[in-house]
Amino acid sequence: MDYLTTFDNISSVRPLMASESRRQSIRLLSVFGNNGAEVIFATIDDKVYGFGHNRYGLLGLSTNERDISRPQLNRTLSGRQVVNIYWSYDSCFGRTSTGQWYGWGYNVYGSLGIGKTGTECVTTPVLIAELSGLDVVAVACGGKHTLLMTSDRLVYGWGDNNFGQLGDKTFNNCFAPKLLFNRQFVSISCGLNHSIGLTDCGQLYTWGINEKGQLGCHPDCEPQPVVIDHKYSVRNQPKPLVTVADGCSELVASKQVVVKAVCGPDYTLILTASGSVYGFGYNTWGLIRNAMKSVYYLPICLADNNRFCDIAASFLGRLSIGVTLDGVYYFWGREPNVPEYESLSSSSSSDPQMSTEVMIDEMYARYSRTNKALKTFILKELDTKTLITTTTTDVLNDDDVYDSGDENQSTITTALRDVNSLIGKPIIDRPLVSSREATVVVNQVIKSSDNNNKSQSISDNSFVSIFMDNIFSSFNSSVDSDVVFIIDGQHIHCHQTVLRLRNKMFWQKCRSVAVEVVNNNSNNNNNNMKTVETIDEIHITTYSYDTFYEFVRYLYGFEPEINDSNCKSLIKLGKVYDEDLLIDRCIEYLIKN
């Protein structure tokens, strides 16, 4: 398979694939991160390149530099015959043809498996000695943990284990690969904080967090370990999928054999031998069944009148896919521009040899809002006999590697005129820049205004990068938050200090709401009333959970995930709290759609 039409729809990859000769030289392509922000590819002459946002140093280019616009040579991986690349939320792994494994990225939870502890970003790929020579047949990356299975069905794991997602009967993070299970499973999959394993007789086992029913049972039915006090329901060892006596599901009642199981971020999909697809877990985005309950604790059948041969989901995505026996692709999830189904069999593909597995990967990349694939695309198999011997210091000419593909500015300006009325003020001359770019511009102004300042620019300071990474990871964490927003029964955990520094107007509004709550309590003679300093719950009724979640997430420094249902409300929030960059992002979305 030399080419996938999906690449034409991914903005970060389109310039790379514009040249026929350049496209033919690429044998391996990984597109991951928010909106495909990180791209790693390998060429037929065994060179590895990376470009993009470089969050946590995930490009493995030995630098913390952000927003690398043109492909740079990876001197560590080039010449080592990399045959596949895997990624979790904060880490990457490269596997070579000789059975060696390399890890790079963020290692605060032991996500890299390199045996070292610490919070630093490891930007240069490091050899994982414990995995060398293993005959690996399956790799499953979760949010911050990874499982790996060998041909003799040994399952190893490492990384974050705070919710028991490694299944080793502990809650201790693991910084090096650890043997977890021996000949118990034939397939594995990971969500953000839960894991599943399937046995050869079709029995599904689940473990990890069960806050939203992703383990297939109600949290109240799960006995909690006495060795650790968790706010959420957790399970630190594999247990078979069962149901409670008074709520037996049709899946277990009919004793259907499970042939495949995959994890979404906080839900699970399973495919039975009879061709039925079941799901359980979190369903706010319609990932299990559209317009139904927000949480399913027991398996529920999807698309009852269809028979499926394959399913797909991602631990970082909001899209699920099922393929019927007659080649129809069904989609679940409230992604923009996603059809209910699409008829496209393997025989209709431009490549007759393209398998259903490859096509389902392409479908995911085509319709996922995050513009990334389920896994690395292998465009050409590595041919060691024809490899050209080159030194890793050779750098391919930029003009031969990448075209900028800049959009016509007049087209953007014309489109902006059409949306002026939406935000109530002219924005034709407003530059469409990212928050990172804006930071660099501000730093340049600061430096130029103070000729006596010889210090390093803050945008180049690695300590600032580490600080920001910790801010990112603290978002929606219940461990140290001091304010909780409650929308439609769902919680968003935040920090007043971050909100005050990020947007004082928004923080003051939160404080005014807290004062109102305290006054109401006082009027009601509530003996347990809280003061303004200790109030920690704010109920939001004006905006939906999705809209408010993306707004607060944006305040923490993340790119907002904009869709048809939240775009106008985000623009309104941007106007109220003077967030012009957020308005720009929404306008860009409107223009593209």
Foldseek 3Di string as FASTA:
>chain_A
DQDDPLLCQQVLRNQQVVDPVSSNQWFWWFFDDFSSQKIWTAGLLQWIWIFGQCAQLQSLQQASAGHGPFIDTQQQRGPQAFFFKDDAQFKIWTAHPQFKIWIFGFCCFLLGQQQDHDGHGGNHTDTQVVRRPFQWDDKAYERRKIWTAGPQGWIWIFGQQCQLQLAQPDRHGGNHIDTRDGQAADYKYYANFKIWGAHPQQWIWIFGFCQQLQRQEDLVPADADPVDDDPTRGGNHIDTRAYDPVDGDPCVVVPFGWDDKYDANFKIWTATPQQWIWIFGAQPFQQGHPPDDGGGNHIDTDPVVFGFDDKDHANPFQKIWTATPQQKIAITGDFPPDDRIHRDHCCNDPDVPDDPVNVVQSVCLNGTLSNGGRTMDRSDGRDPVPRDDDRSVDDPDRVSRGDSPDDDLVLLLVLQVVCCVLLVHRCSPPDQDAPLVVLVVVQVVVCVVDVPDPDDGPSRDSVNSSVLVVLLVCWQDPPDFQAWEAAPNDITGHHLVLCCVLFVVVSVVVLVQLVVQQVVCVVVVPPPGDDSVRDHYDYDDPDHPLQVSQLVSVSSPDDRSDDPVNLSVQSVVCSVRVPVNSVSSSSVVVSVD
